Amino acid sequence: MLNVTFVRIEEGGIERLQQWLAKLPERKSELKESYIEQGTRQELFYVLQGRRGPVLAMITELKDVEKGCVSFLKSENLLDIEFKELIQEISLGSPANIETIYDSLDCIKPLSFLPS
């Protein structure tokens, strides 16, 4: 299941995040441990240039969104702790009220011919 989070980021915050993310290849074991604990399959981060500054869109594919989010918030994994602290430092909050207006899972089950 997909989870999307949008966060307004202060000026200079994207560069700080990019620097932190660039070090992840050196910390693969911590990242793998975090993904296993939270049931994460993949993450994609996008930067949207808004009128009031950059917005970070974090897209995460999880086995179970609720369990994964709770696990992340309670995580004692150093990588997760650092990430939460960094986002808190560079975040200006949610850019707007966000409403899901379509989810294909409301209509059909995931197609079985796609790899899981």
C-alpha atoms as a PDB file:
ATOM      1  CA  MET A   1       0.000   0.000   0.000  1.00  0.00           C
ATOM      2  CA  LEU A   2       1.200   3.513  -0.752  1.00  0.00           C
ATOM      3  CA  ASN A   3       1.522   6.347   1.725  1.00  0.00           C
ATOM      4  CA  VAL A   4       2.244   9.934   0.693  1.00  0.00           C
ATOM      5  CA  THR A   5       3.362  12.704   3.034  1.00  0.00           C
ATOM      6  CA  PHE A   6       3.772  16.351   2.032  1.00  0.00           C
ATOM      7  CA  VAL A   7       5.896  18.736   4.097  1.00  0.00           C
ATOM      8  CA  ARG A   8       6.785  22.377   3.463  1.00  0.00           C
ATOM      9  CA  ILE A   9      10.550  22.790   3.813  1.00  0.00           C
ATOM     10  CA  GLU A  10      12.486  25.880   4.858  1.00  0.00           C
ATOM     11  CA  GLU A  11      14.962  27.473   2.454  1.00  0.00           C
ATOM     12  CA  GLY A  12      18.180  25.485   2.537  1.00  0.00           C
ATOM     13  CA  GLY A  13      16.413  22.468   4.010  1.00  0.00           C
ATOM     14  CA  ILE A  14      16.342  20.481   0.779  1.00  0.00           C
ATOM     15  CA  GLU A  15      20.124  20.756   0.498  1.00  0.00           C
ATOM     16  CA  ARG A  16      20.522  19.476   4.068  1.00  0.00           C
ATOM     17  CA  LEU A  17      18.204  16.565   3.299  1.00  0.00           C
ATOM     18  CA  GLN A  18      20.063  15.744   0.079  1.00  0.00           C
ATOM     19  CA  GLN A  19      23.372  15.684   1.966  1.00  0.00           C
ATOM     20  CA  TRP A  20      21.912  13.308   4.555  1.00  0.00           C
ATOM     21  CA  LEU A  21      20.332  11.070   1.886  1.00  0.00           C
ATOM     22  CA  ALA A  22      23.631  10.937  -0.051  1.00  0.00           C
ATOM     23  CA  LYS A  23      25.167   9.058   2.903  1.00  0.00           C
ATOM     24  CA  LEU A  24      22.566   6.258   2.867  1.00  0.00           C
ATOM     25  CA  PRO A  25      24.605   3.941   0.587  1.00  0.00           C
ATOM     26  CA  GLU A  26      27.182   3.801   3.399  1.00  0.00           C
ATOM     27  CA  ARG A  27      24.450   2.803   5.866  1.00  0.00           C
ATOM     28  CA  LYS A  28      22.694   0.058   3.900  1.00  0.00           C
ATOM     29  CA  SER A  29      22.457  -2.329   6.858  1.00  0.00           C
ATOM     30  CA  GLU A  30      20.662   0.278   9.006  1.00  0.00           C
ATOM     31  CA  LEU A  31      18.372   1.147   6.105  1.00  0.00           C
ATOM     32  CA  LYS A  32      17.553  -2.507   5.474  1.00  0.00           C
ATOM     33  CA  GLU A  33      16.846  -3.043   9.180  1.00  0.00           C
ATOM     34  CA  SER A  34      14.523  -0.024   9.193  1.00  0.00           C
ATOM     35  CA  TYR A  35      12.676  -1.219   6.080  1.00  0.00           C
ATOM     36  CA  ILE A  36      12.202  -4.710   7.551  1.00  0.00           C
ATOM     37  CA  GLU A  37      10.921  -3.326  10.884  1.00  0.00           C
ATOM     38  CA  GLN A  38       8.396  -1.064   9.168  1.00  0.00           C
ATOM     39  CA  GLY A  39       7.426  -3.285   6.246  1.00  0.00           C
ATOM     40  CA  THR A  40       8.769  -0.769   3.729  1.00  0.00           C
ATOM     41  CA  ARG A  41       9.307  -1.889   0.162  1.00  0.00           C
ATOM     42  CA  GLN A  42      10.358   1.380  -1.447  1.00  0.00           C
ATOM     43  CA  GLU A  43      10.527   5.132  -0.870  1.00  0.00           C
ATOM     44  CA  LEU A  44      10.571   7.986  -3.366  1.00  0.00           C
ATOM     45  CA  PHE A  45      11.131  11.612  -2.409  1.00  0.00           C
ATOM     46  CA  TYR A  46      10.171  14.474  -4.735  1.00  0.00           C
ATOM     47  CA  VAL A  47      10.623  18.216  -4.344  1.00  0.00           C
ATOM     48  CA  LEU A  48       7.790  20.420  -5.591  1.00  0.00           C
ATOM     49  CA  GLN A  49       8.642  24.080  -6.016  1.00  0.00           C
ATOM     50  CA  GLY A  50       5.627  25.875  -4.571  1.00  0.00           C
ATOM     51  CA  ARG A  51       4.838  29.579  -4.497  1.00  0.00           C
ATOM     52  CA  ARG A  52       5.687  29.683  -0.803  1.00  0.00           C
ATOM     53  CA  GLY A  53       8.824  27.564  -1.067  1.00  0.00           C
ATOM     54  CA  PRO A  54       9.715  23.918  -1.574  1.00  0.00           C
ATOM     55  CA  VAL A  55       7.394  21.065  -0.650  1.00  0.00           C
ATOM     56  CA  LEU A  56       8.809  17.595  -0.004  1.00  0.00           C
ATOM     57  CA  ALA A  57       6.612  14.731  -1.183  1.00  0.00           C
ATOM     58  CA  MET A  58       7.580  11.434   0.461  1.00  0.00           C
ATOM     59  CA  ILE A  59       6.008   8.388  -1.171  1.00  0.00           C
ATOM     60  CA  THR A  60       6.381   5.100   0.671  1.00  0.00           C
ATOM     61  CA  GLU A  61       5.216   1.624  -0.279  1.00  0.00           C
ATOM     62  CA  LEU A  62       4.427  -0.373   2.866  1.00  0.00           C
ATOM     63  CA  LYS A  63       2.949  -3.776   3.635  1.00  0.00           C
ATOM     64  CA  ASP A  64       0.622  -2.109   6.158  1.00  0.00           C
ATOM     65  CA  VAL A  65       0.526   1.695   6.302  1.00  0.00           C
ATOM     66  CA  GLU A  66      -0.807   1.989   9.852  1.00  0.00           C
ATOM     67  CA  LYS A  67       1.622  -0.544  11.327  1.00  0.00           C
ATOM     68  CA  GLY A  68       4.521   0.909   9.336  1.00  0.00           C
ATOM     69  CA  CYS A  69       3.832   4.463  10.486  1.00  0.00           C
ATOM     70  CA  VAL A  70       3.487   3.425  14.129  1.00  0.00           C
ATOM     71  CA  SER A  71       6.697   1.395  13.867  1.00  0.00           C
ATOM     72  CA  PHE A  72       8.552   4.379  12.360  1.00  0.00           C
ATOM     73  CA  LEU A  73       7.345   6.774  15.050  1.00  0.00           C
ATOM     74  CA  LYS A  74       8.430   4.378  17.820  1.00  0.00           C
ATOM     75  CA  SER A  75      11.639   3.273  16.090  1.00  0.00           C
ATOM     76  CA  GLU A  76      14.908   3.361  18.029  1.00  0.00           C
ATOM     77  CA  ASN A  77      16.917   2.712  14.859  1.00  0.00           C
ATOM     78  CA  LEU A  78      19.582   5.467  14.729  1.00  0.00           C
ATOM     79  CA  LEU A  79      18.842   6.116  11.050  1.00  0.00           C
ATOM     80  CA  ASP A  80      15.137   6.671  11.781  1.00  0.00           C
ATOM     81  CA  ILE A  81      15.921   8.898  14.773  1.00  0.00           C
ATOM     82  CA  GLU A  82      18.244  11.064  12.693  1.00  0.00           C
ATOM     83  CA  PHE A  83      15.720  11.315   9.857  1.00  0.00           C
ATOM     84  CA  LYS A  84      12.885  12.337  12.188  1.00  0.00           C
ATOM     85  CA  GLU A  85      15.103  14.983  13.821  1.00  0.00           C
ATOM     86  CA  LEU A  86      16.228  16.365  10.460  1.00  0.00           C
ATOM     87  CA  ILE A  87      12.684  16.590   9.093  1.00  0.00           C
ATOM     88  CA  GLN A  88      11.552  18.303  12.292  1.00  0.00           C
ATOM     89  CA  GLU A  89      14.389  20.834  11.973  1.00  0.00           C
ATOM     90  CA  ILE A  90      13.744  21.716   8.300  1.00  0.00           C
ATOM     91  CA  SER A  91       9.949  21.387   8.259  1.00  0.00           C
ATOM     92  CA  LEU A  92       7.563  24.319   8.064  1.00  0.00           C
ATOM     93  CA  GLY A  93       4.574  21.988   8.456  1.00  0.00           C
ATOM     94  CA  SER A  94       1.934  20.675   6.114  1.00  0.00           C
ATOM     95  CA  PRO A  95       1.462  22.776   2.975  1.00  0.00           C
ATOM     96  CA  ALA A  96      -2.314  22.368   2.945  1.00  0.00           C
ATOM     97  CA  ASN A  97      -5.183  20.096   3.855  1.00  0.00           C
ATOM     98  CA  ILE A  98      -4.681  17.079   1.631  1.00  0.00           C
ATOM     99  CA  GLU A  99      -7.569  14.912   0.511  1.00  0.00           C
ATOM    100  CA  THR A 100      -7.358  11.646  -1.389  1.00  0.00           C
ATOM    101  CA  ILE A 101      -9.835  11.861  -4.260  1.00  0.00           C
ATOM    102  CA  TYR A 102      -9.112   8.506  -5.937  1.00  0.00           C
ATOM    103  CA  ASP A 103      -7.596   5.196  -4.877  1.00  0.00           C
ATOM    104  CA  SER A 104      -7.652   2.370  -7.421  1.00  0.00           C
ATOM    105  CA  LEU A 105      -7.860  -0.160  -4.578  1.00  0.00           C
ATOM    106  CA  ASP A 106     -11.393   1.107  -3.981  1.00  0.00           C
ATOM    107  CA  CYS A 107     -12.278  -0.271  -7.430  1.00  0.00           C
ATOM    108  CA  ILE A 108     -10.027  -3.259  -8.075  1.00  0.00           C
ATOM    109  CA  LYS A 109      -7.572  -5.446  -6.258  1.00  0.00           C
ATOM    110  CA  PRO A 110      -3.896  -5.116  -7.200  1.00  0.00           C
ATOM    111  CA  LEU A 111      -3.299  -6.878 -10.497  1.00  0.00           C
ATOM    112  CA  SER A 112      -1.850 -10.322  -9.961  1.00  0.00           C
ATOM    113  CA  PHE A 113       0.459 -10.169 -12.976  1.00  0.00           C
ATOM    114  CA  LEU A 114       2.492  -7.370 -11.413  1.00  0.00           C
ATOM    115  CA  PRO A 115       5.453  -8.436  -9.263  1.00  0.00           C
ATOM    116  CA  SER A 116       4.905  -7.996  -5.546  1.00  0.00           C
END
